[in-house]
């Protein structure tokens, strides 16, 4: 999606990468003495995804999920859209949100095991609400809010027990998952809310999973939350400020070029289905992350060596699972391509490769059986749709520095995270 190939090479959202990527590499060498892999994000893609959400779901508000891609410069760009707030899951993400200019009244705090320090910091910052996941958390929130003499906004994250067709690791809305409050816990939750003088119920929320392609489960989830909202009113709780249906809009990790049909979540179909539903609140929220960030990022790497095998060659690249963990963690598949021109992609010139990284783990493989033009050392290899859960899950395993990040806008670029140095990696151990 958003990529096109021509006789000059590969373009991305109108930017010719064959000319821009060498400029980025030279900049990183000159200013940081760095020659490794890097993440590139495209501002036009981020903008297009945010615009699509606002246009196709005109009555909704969006709280961007920082955990998918949390660079401060990216957050600022997303916050330039007026119907966007931020969804955080840690104190570190709260700090990022505030540094990026996020307004506390447009921040919600999710997560199943918030610490006392995190809760107190968020209360003092004045965030809109905490998405509470258990009776124990609600009690802790009441105690901490009382200790500083304020009321804390609360939204109950309900577990609607809705089945979705996705990977078992990213299913979150079934009864057996660790997330959310079950119907059976609701009486005790309501008791805590009545007794909790420092709690203010603002909303209901449900997040049923990720990589969802069928909009129907969202309508099912809304029906459950509406039913609970009606029950709350019967128990003399006030009308809710908002109902949130979470995120999880699926993206197509297989399609590469903009002219190909894309098998991804249909916002049009979701709008059609939800327009036939009522909702028992003032606002309807979603918390998109991957839908915005995935297509906006590319991991750029270089071929180090070609290792011949009997069935196919292994292209060993300088990026590994330390930069992009998803393939090793749960078998995620990303399109992989090069900067070769269109003529070099003629079928009779393609070869079969395994694309593997330098990490000392057998799982450090990005793909097997990839059809690419003839590769040689120092050729660029691009791992596409890598914006979501890419740099945010990176590590220093094998004492590898975190890769830099670059933001592309039209035909120019800006380094938005410089390369990490070995001195920075080791500094915390020099005690």
Protein backbone atom coordinates (compact mmCIF):
# COMPACT_ATOMS: atom_id res chain seq x y z
CA UNK A 1 0.00 0.00 0.00
CA UNK A 2 1.27 3.46 -0.98
CA UNK A 3 4.27 1.94 -2.82
CA UNK A 4 4.85 2.10 -6.56
CA UNK A 5 7.66 0.78 -8.71
CA UNK A 6 8.86 2.41 -11.91
CA UNK A 7 11.95 2.47 -14.11
CA UNK A 8 13.73 4.71 -11.57
CA UNK A 9 13.09 2.32 -8.70
CA UNK A 10 10.70 2.42 -5.74
CA UNK A 11 8.52 5.34 -4.64
CA UNK A 12 6.58 5.65 -1.40
CA UNK A 13 3.63 8.03 -1.15
CA UNK A 14 5.15 10.05 -3.97
CA UNK A 15 8.71 10.10 -2.58
CA UNK A 16 11.44 8.56 -4.76
CA UNK A 17 13.32 6.31 -2.33
CA UNK A 18 16.19 5.55 -4.71
CA UNK A 19 17.36 9.14 -4.36
CA UNK A 20 16.28 9.88 -0.76
CA UNK A 21 17.54 6.78 1.09
CA UNK A 22 21.19 7.32 0.02
CA UNK A 23 20.89 10.91 1.31
CA UNK A 24 19.63 9.63 4.66
CA UNK A 25 22.48 7.13 4.90
CA UNK A 26 25.06 9.79 4.13
CA UNK A 27 23.51 12.09 6.74
CA UNK A 28 23.69 9.38 9.41
CA UNK A 29 27.32 8.67 8.54
CA UNK A 30 28.36 12.33 8.49
CA UNK A 31 26.57 13.48 11.64
CA UNK A 32 26.51 10.32 13.78
CA UNK A 33 29.16 8.01 12.30
CA UNK A 34 26.39 5.42 11.93
CA UNK A 35 26.04 2.89 9.11
CA UNK A 36 23.42 0.42 10.39
CA UNK A 37 19.69 -0.14 9.83
CA UNK A 38 17.17 2.60 10.48
CA UNK A 39 13.43 3.19 10.62
CA UNK A 40 11.87 5.59 8.13
CA UNK A 41 8.34 6.93 8.61
CA UNK A 42 6.35 8.87 6.03
CA UNK A 43 4.42 11.89 7.26
CA UNK A 44 2.00 11.77 4.32
CA UNK A 45 0.97 8.22 5.20
CA UNK A 46 0.35 9.11 8.84
CA UNK A 47 -1.76 12.06 7.74
CA UNK A 48 -3.71 9.96 5.24
CA UNK A 49 -4.57 7.34 7.86
CA UNK A 50 -5.72 9.95 10.41
CA UNK A 51 -7.80 11.75 7.78
CA UNK A 52 -9.38 8.46 6.74
CA UNK A 53 -10.51 7.74 10.30
CA UNK A 54 -11.99 11.21 10.79
CA UNK A 55 -13.75 11.24 7.43
CA UNK A 56 -15.16 7.71 7.46
CA UNK A 57 -16.20 7.72 11.12
CA UNK A 58 -17.46 11.32 11.33
CA UNK A 59 -19.16 11.06 14.72
CA UNK A 60 -16.31 9.32 16.55
CA UNK A 61 -13.35 10.47 18.62
CA UNK A 62 -9.96 8.74 18.50
CA UNK A 63 -7.40 8.10 21.21
CA UNK A 64 -4.19 7.03 19.48
CA UNK A 65 -2.55 4.01 21.11
CA UNK A 66 1.02 5.08 21.90
CA UNK A 67 2.23 1.54 22.43
CA UNK A 68 2.18 0.88 18.68
CA UNK A 69 4.62 3.70 17.82
CA UNK A 70 5.55 6.29 20.43
CA UNK A 71 8.12 8.66 18.94
CA UNK A 72 7.32 12.18 20.18
CA UNK A 73 7.47 13.64 16.66
CA UNK A 74 4.91 11.09 15.44
CA UNK A 75 2.62 11.87 18.38
CA UNK A 76 2.77 15.59 17.56
CA UNK A 77 1.74 14.92 13.98
CA UNK A 78 -1.23 12.81 15.08
CA UNK A 79 -2.33 15.39 17.65
CA UNK A 80 -2.59 17.98 14.89
CA UNK A 81 -5.92 16.32 14.05
CA UNK A 82 -8.64 17.82 16.21
CA UNK A 83 -10.59 14.67 17.11
CA UNK A 84 -7.54 12.82 18.43
CA UNK A 85 -6.38 12.20 21.98
CA UNK A 86 -3.95 9.64 23.39
CA UNK A 87 -4.24 6.16 24.91
CA UNK A 88 -1.32 5.30 27.23
CA UNK A 89 -0.32 2.20 29.21
CA UNK A 90 2.62 3.37 31.36
CA UNK A 91 4.18 6.32 33.16
CA UNK A 92 6.79 6.54 30.42
CA UNK A 93 4.06 6.92 27.83
CA UNK A 94 2.44 9.62 29.97
CA UNK A 95 5.73 11.53 29.92
CA UNK A 96 5.90 11.14 26.13
CA UNK A 97 2.31 12.26 25.73
CA UNK A 98 2.83 15.42 27.76
CA UNK A 99 6.15 16.27 26.07
CA UNK A 100 4.42 15.94 22.70
CA UNK A 101 1.83 18.50 23.76
CA UNK A 102 -0.94 16.10 24.66
CA UNK A 103 -3.69 17.69 26.73
CA UNK A 104 -4.32 15.74 29.97
CA UNK A 105 -8.09 15.97 29.46
CA UNK A 106 -7.61 14.03 26.21
CA UNK A 107 -5.49 11.21 27.70
CA UNK A 108 -6.80 7.86 28.93
CA UNK A 109 -4.70 5.35 30.87
CA UNK A 110 -5.15 1.64 30.06
CA UNK A 111 -3.30 -1.45 31.31
CA UNK A 112 -4.00 -4.33 33.69
CA UNK A 113 -1.40 -3.65 36.41
CA UNK A 114 -0.81 0.07 36.83
CA UNK A 115 1.59 0.86 39.67
CA UNK A 116 0.85 3.27 42.52
CA UNK A 117 3.46 5.66 41.14
CA UNK A 118 1.85 5.57 37.71
CA UNK A 119 -1.64 6.16 39.09
CA UNK A 120 -0.58 9.07 41.33
CA UNK A 121 1.39 10.72 38.53
CA UNK A 122 -1.55 10.44 36.14
CA UNK A 123 -4.00 11.76 38.77
CA UNK A 124 -1.78 14.77 39.42
CA UNK A 125 -1.43 15.38 35.68
CA UNK A 126 -5.24 15.54 35.44
CA UNK A 127 -5.87 12.88 32.78
CA UNK A 128 -9.43 12.27 31.59
CA UNK A 129 -9.84 8.74 32.93
CA UNK A 130 -8.33 5.43 33.93
CA UNK A 131 -9.55 2.34 32.09
CA UNK A 132 -10.01 0.07 35.09
CA UNK A 133 -9.63 -3.68 34.61
CA UNK A 134 -10.48 -5.20 38.00
CA UNK A 135 -12.10 -4.70 41.41
CA UNK A 136 -8.64 -4.59 43.00
CA UNK A 137 -7.54 -1.80 40.68
CA UNK A 138 -10.67 0.21 41.38
CA UNK A 139 -10.08 -0.02 45.13
CA UNK A 140 -6.46 1.02 44.72
CA UNK A 141 -7.50 3.97 42.55
CA UNK A 142 -9.99 5.15 45.19
CA UNK A 143 -7.34 4.95 47.93
CA UNK A 144 -4.75 6.87 45.92
CA UNK A 145 -7.19 9.54 44.71
CA UNK A 146 -8.34 10.07 48.29
CA UNK A 147 -4.74 10.45 49.46
CA UNK A 148 -4.32 13.55 47.29
CA UNK A 149 -7.88 14.82 47.75
CA UNK A 150 -9.12 14.64 44.14
CA UNK A 151 -11.65 12.67 42.10
CA UNK A 152 -10.28 10.28 39.51
CA UNK A 153 -12.15 9.67 36.27
CA UNK A 154 -12.95 6.02 35.64
CA UNK A 155 -13.99 3.99 32.62
CA UNK A 156 -14.74 0.32 33.16
CA UNK A 157 -12.97 -1.95 30.69
CA UNK A 158 -15.52 -4.70 30.22
CA UNK A 159 -14.77 -8.12 28.78
CA UNK A 160 -17.68 -8.60 26.34
CA UNK A 161 -16.77 -12.26 25.61
CA UNK A 162 -16.84 -11.57 21.86
CA UNK A 163 -15.01 -13.96 19.53
CA UNK A 164 -12.80 -12.50 16.79
CA UNK A 165 -10.83 -14.22 14.05
CA UNK A 166 -7.24 -13.28 14.83
CA UNK A 167 -4.01 -14.65 16.33
CA UNK A 168 -4.42 -16.10 19.83
CA UNK A 169 -1.70 -13.77 21.17
CA UNK A 170 -3.70 -10.67 20.20
CA UNK A 171 -7.18 -11.79 21.20
CA UNK A 172 -8.25 -9.82 24.28
CA UNK A 173 -12.05 -9.88 24.48
CA UNK A 174 -12.80 -13.48 25.46
CA UNK A 175 -13.74 -14.51 29.00
CA UNK A 176 -10.52 -16.51 29.46
CA UNK A 177 -8.26 -13.54 28.61
CA UNK A 178 -6.53 -11.58 31.40
CA UNK A 179 -8.08 -8.32 30.23
CA UNK A 180 -11.27 -6.62 31.34
CA UNK A 181 -14.08 -7.00 33.87
CA UNK A 182 -16.55 -9.84 33.54
CA UNK A 183 -20.31 -9.52 34.00
CA UNK A 184 -20.02 -11.57 37.20
CA UNK A 185 -17.76 -8.90 38.75
CA UNK A 186 -20.10 -6.03 37.97
CA UNK A 187 -22.08 -6.01 41.28
CA UNK A 188 -18.87 -5.68 43.28
CA UNK A 189 -17.62 -3.00 40.88
CA UNK A 190 -20.82 -0.99 41.40
CA UNK A 191 -20.46 -1.35 45.16
CA UNK A 192 -16.93 0.08 44.96
CA UNK A 193 -18.13 2.97 42.81
CA UNK A 194 -20.89 3.83 45.29
CA UNK A 195 -18.52 3.69 48.24
CA UNK A 196 -15.67 5.42 46.43
CA UNK A 197 -16.14 9.12 47.10
CA UNK A 198 -13.07 9.91 44.98
CA UNK A 199 -14.18 8.05 41.88
CA UNK A 200 -16.19 9.48 38.99
CA UNK A 201 -17.56 7.02 36.44
CA UNK A 202 -17.11 8.49 32.97
CA UNK A 203 -17.32 5.62 30.53
CA UNK A 204 -17.31 2.00 29.45
CA UNK A 205 -14.66 0.45 27.25
CA UNK A 206 -13.95 -2.84 25.51
CA UNK A 207 -11.00 -3.93 23.38
CA UNK A 208 -11.59 -7.30 21.75
CA UNK A 209 -8.28 -7.83 19.97
CA UNK A 210 -6.02 -6.77 17.13
CA UNK A 211 -5.83 -7.39 13.40
CA UNK A 212 -9.62 -7.61 13.12
CA UNK A 213 -10.96 -7.55 9.56
CA UNK A 214 -14.67 -8.07 10.24
CA UNK A 215 -16.54 -5.03 11.64
CA UNK A 216 -19.45 -7.11 12.98
CA UNK A 217 -17.76 -7.93 16.35
CA UNK A 218 -17.63 -4.19 17.10
CA UNK A 219 -21.42 -4.00 16.83
CA UNK A 220 -21.69 -7.01 19.14
CA UNK A 221 -19.34 -5.37 21.60
CA UNK A 222 -21.34 -2.13 21.45
CA UNK A 223 -24.54 -4.02 22.17
CA UNK A 224 -22.97 -5.48 25.32
CA UNK A 225 -21.72 -2.10 26.49
CA UNK A 226 -25.10 -0.48 25.79
CA UNK A 227 -26.80 -3.13 27.88
CA UNK A 228 -24.38 -2.48 30.76
CA UNK A 229 -24.88 1.29 30.41
CA UNK A 230 -28.63 0.82 30.71
CA UNK A 231 -28.13 -1.32 33.80
CA UNK A 232 -25.94 1.41 35.30
CA UNK A 233 -28.68 3.98 34.80
CA UNK A 234 -31.15 1.70 36.55
CA UNK A 235 -28.70 1.64 39.45
CA UNK A 236 -28.76 5.46 39.54
CA UNK A 237 -25.38 6.01 37.91
CA UNK A 238 -25.30 9.07 35.63
CA UNK A 239 -25.34 9.08 31.85
CA UNK A 240 -21.89 8.16 30.52
CA UNK A 241 -19.55 10.64 28.87
CA UNK A 242 -18.28 8.00 26.44
CA UNK A 243 -18.30 4.44 25.25
CA UNK A 244 -15.06 3.19 23.71
CA UNK A 245 -14.87 0.19 21.39
CA UNK A 246 -11.07 0.04 21.58
CA UNK A 247 -8.87 -0.45 18.53
CA UNK A 248 -7.78 -3.47 16.54
CA UNK A 249 -8.65 -2.37 12.98
CA UNK A 250 -6.75 -4.85 10.80
CA UNK A 251 -4.18 -3.87 8.20
CA UNK A 252 -3.00 -5.89 5.21
CA UNK A 253 0.59 -6.97 5.74
CA UNK A 254 0.67 -8.87 2.44
CA UNK A 255 -0.15 -6.27 -0.19
CA UNK A 256 2.69 -4.02 -1.21
CA UNK A 257 1.75 -1.81 -4.13
CA UNK A 258 -0.94 0.86 -4.12
CA UNK A 259 -2.62 -0.46 -7.26
CA UNK A 260 -3.31 -3.89 -5.76
CA UNK A 261 -6.59 -4.65 -3.95
CA UNK A 262 -6.00 -4.35 -0.23
CA UNK A 263 -7.51 -6.81 2.23
CA UNK A 264 -7.83 -4.59 5.26
CA UNK A 265 -10.47 -3.39 7.68
CA UNK A 266 -13.35 -1.50 6.06
CA UNK A 267 -14.12 1.74 7.87
CA UNK A 268 -17.02 2.29 5.48
CA UNK A 269 -18.60 -1.00 6.52
CA UNK A 270 -18.02 -0.22 10.20
CA UNK A 271 -19.71 3.17 9.81
CA UNK A 272 -22.64 1.52 8.02
CA UNK A 273 -23.09 -1.06 10.77
CA UNK A 274 -22.71 1.39 13.66
CA UNK A 275 -25.06 3.93 12.08
CA UNK A 276 -27.81 1.38 12.66
CA UNK A 277 -26.93 1.13 16.36
CA UNK A 278 -27.67 3.41 19.27
CA UNK A 279 -25.11 4.08 21.95
CA UNK A 280 -25.79 4.98 25.54
CA UNK A 281 -23.28 7.82 25.94
CA UNK A 282 -22.42 11.31 24.74
CA UNK A 283 -19.39 10.21 22.72
CA UNK A 284 -18.24 7.12 20.80
CA UNK A 285 -14.48 6.47 21.00
CA UNK A 286 -11.96 4.26 19.24
CA UNK A 287 -8.32 3.68 20.15
CA UNK A 288 -6.48 3.01 16.87
CA UNK A 289 -2.77 2.28 16.89
CA UNK A 290 -1.63 -0.16 14.23
CA UNK A 291 -4.13 1.21 11.70
CA UNK A 292 -2.21 4.52 11.73
CA UNK A 293 1.35 3.39 12.43
CA UNK A 294 1.88 0.10 10.59
CA UNK A 295 1.80 1.37 7.01
CA UNK A 296 3.69 4.52 7.95
CA UNK A 297 7.00 2.79 8.74
CA UNK A 298 9.74 0.94 6.87
CA UNK A 299 12.81 -0.77 8.33
CA UNK A 300 15.73 -0.05 5.99
CA UNK A 301 18.61 -2.51 6.02
CA UNK A 302 21.58 -3.57 3.88
CA UNK A 303 22.76 -6.96 2.66
CA UNK A 304 25.93 -7.99 4.49
CA UNK A 305 26.54 -11.38 2.90
CA UNK A 306 24.91 -13.89 0.57
CA UNK A 307 25.15 -17.46 1.83
CA UNK A 308 24.39 -20.09 -0.87
CA UNK A 309 22.25 -23.10 0.07
CA UNK A 310 21.06 -26.06 -1.99
CA UNK A 311 17.46 -24.84 -2.41
CA UNK A 312 17.92 -21.06 -2.13
CA UNK A 313 20.38 -18.43 -0.98
CA UNK A 314 20.31 -16.76 2.43
CA UNK A 315 20.62 -12.98 2.34
CA UNK A 316 22.11 -11.94 5.68
CA UNK A 317 21.14 -8.33 6.43
CA UNK A 318 22.29 -5.89 9.11
CA UNK A 319 18.84 -5.59 10.74
CA UNK A 320 17.67 -8.32 13.08
CA UNK A 321 15.10 -9.28 15.68
CA UNK A 322 16.61 -6.57 17.89
CA UNK A 323 15.12 -4.03 15.47
CA UNK A 324 11.93 -5.88 14.47
CA UNK A 325 10.80 -8.62 16.84
CA UNK A 326 7.39 -9.45 15.35
CA UNK A 327 8.48 -12.24 12.94
CA UNK A 328 10.45 -14.05 15.67
CA UNK A 329 7.84 -13.42 18.37
CA UNK A 330 4.71 -14.65 16.62
CA UNK A 331 5.55 -15.47 13.04
CA UNK A 332 4.46 -12.11 11.65
CA UNK A 333 4.89 -11.67 7.90
CA UNK A 334 6.07 -8.40 6.36
CA UNK A 335 6.51 -7.63 2.66
CA UNK A 336 10.20 -7.37 1.81
CA UNK A 337 11.49 -5.53 -1.21
CA UNK A 338 14.45 -3.66 -2.69
CA UNK A 339 15.13 -0.46 -4.59
CA UNK A 340 15.52 -2.28 -7.93
CA UNK A 341 13.76 -0.75 -10.94
CA UNK A 342 10.61 -2.23 -12.45
CA UNK A 343 12.51 -3.93 -15.29
CA UNK A 344 14.61 -5.87 -12.77
CA UNK A 345 11.43 -7.35 -11.29
CA UNK A 346 10.58 -9.28 -14.44
CA UNK A 347 9.62 -12.79 -13.37
CA UNK A 348 12.42 -14.52 -15.26
CA UNK A 349 14.99 -12.50 -13.30
CA UNK A 350 13.73 -13.15 -9.77
CA UNK A 351 15.51 -15.46 -7.34
CA UNK A 352 14.38 -17.12 -4.12
CA UNK A 353 15.91 -15.93 -0.85
CA UNK A 354 15.72 -16.40 2.87
CA UNK A 355 16.11 -13.03 4.59
CA UNK A 356 17.86 -13.43 7.93
CA UNK A 357 19.48 -11.15 10.48
CA UNK A 358 22.79 -11.14 12.40
CA UNK A 359 21.47 -12.09 15.86
CA UNK A 360 22.68 -15.28 17.52
CA UNK A 361 19.26 -16.93 17.46
CA UNK A 362 17.82 -19.38 14.93
CA UNK A 363 14.55 -17.44 15.07
CA UNK A 364 16.23 -14.32 13.67
CA UNK A 365 14.66 -14.81 10.24
CA UNK A 366 12.36 -12.28 8.56
CA UNK A 367 11.09 -14.44 5.71
CA UNK A 368 11.74 -17.57 3.68
CA UNK A 369 11.02 -18.06 0.00
CA UNK A 370 11.04 -14.36 -0.90
CA UNK A 371 11.22 -13.63 -4.64
CA UNK A 372 13.65 -10.76 -5.30
CA UNK A 373 16.01 -9.65 -8.06
CA UNK A 374 19.64 -10.75 -7.81
CA UNK A 375 21.06 -9.44 -4.52
CA UNK A 376 24.63 -8.49 -3.75
CA UNK A 377 26.43 -7.08 -0.73
CA UNK A 378 25.40 -3.51 0.26
CA UNK A 379 22.08 -3.68 -1.59
CA UNK A 380 19.23 -2.04 0.30
CA UNK A 381 16.53 -4.35 1.64
CA UNK A 382 13.31 -2.78 2.90
CA UNK A 383 10.97 -4.47 5.36
CA UNK A 384 7.62 -2.78 4.80
CA UNK A 385 4.63 -1.99 7.04
CA UNK A 386 6.97 -2.01 10.05
CA UNK A 387 5.77 1.12 11.83
CA UNK A 388 3.60 -0.66 14.39
CA UNK A 389 5.32 -2.63 17.16
CA UNK A 390 8.69 -2.21 15.45
CA UNK A 391 10.96 0.34 17.09
CA UNK A 392 8.88 0.27 20.29
CA UNK A 393 9.72 -3.41 20.83
CA UNK A 394 13.40 -3.08 19.94
CA UNK A 395 16.07 -4.23 22.38
CA UNK A 396 19.80 -4.08 23.10
CA UNK A 397 20.19 -7.86 22.86
CA UNK A 398 23.75 -8.73 21.79
CA UNK A 399 24.56 -5.16 23.01
CA UNK A 400 23.26 -3.69 19.77
CA UNK A 401 22.41 0.03 19.76
CA UNK A 402 18.81 1.06 19.12
CA UNK A 403 18.42 2.09 15.50
CA UNK A 404 17.74 5.73 14.54
CA UNK A 405 14.38 6.91 13.24
CA UNK A 406 13.78 9.31 10.35
CA UNK A 407 10.61 11.14 9.34
CA UNK A 408 10.09 11.71 5.61
CA UNK A 409 7.96 14.59 4.39
CA UNK A 410 7.67 14.93 0.61
CA UNK A 411 11.29 14.71 -0.63
CA UNK A 412 13.01 15.80 2.58
CA UNK A 413 13.69 14.11 5.90
CA UNK A 414 14.34 14.79 9.57
CA UNK A 415 16.15 12.56 12.08
CA UNK A 416 13.62 12.16 14.91
CA UNK A 417 15.70 9.75 17.00
CA UNK A 418 19.45 9.71 16.71
CA UNK A 419 21.41 6.46 16.84
CA UNK A 420 22.07 5.14 20.31
CA UNK A 421 25.75 4.94 21.28
CA UNK A 422 27.55 2.14 23.09
CA UNK A 423 28.39 4.63 25.82
CA UNK A 424 24.69 5.22 26.39
CA UNK A 425 23.98 1.49 26.53
CA UNK A 426 26.69 0.88 29.14
CA UNK A 427 26.26 4.06 31.19
CA UNK A 428 23.78 2.59 33.68
CA UNK A 429 26.19 -0.24 34.52
CA UNK A 430 29.16 2.03 35.30
CA UNK A 431 28.55 2.19 39.06
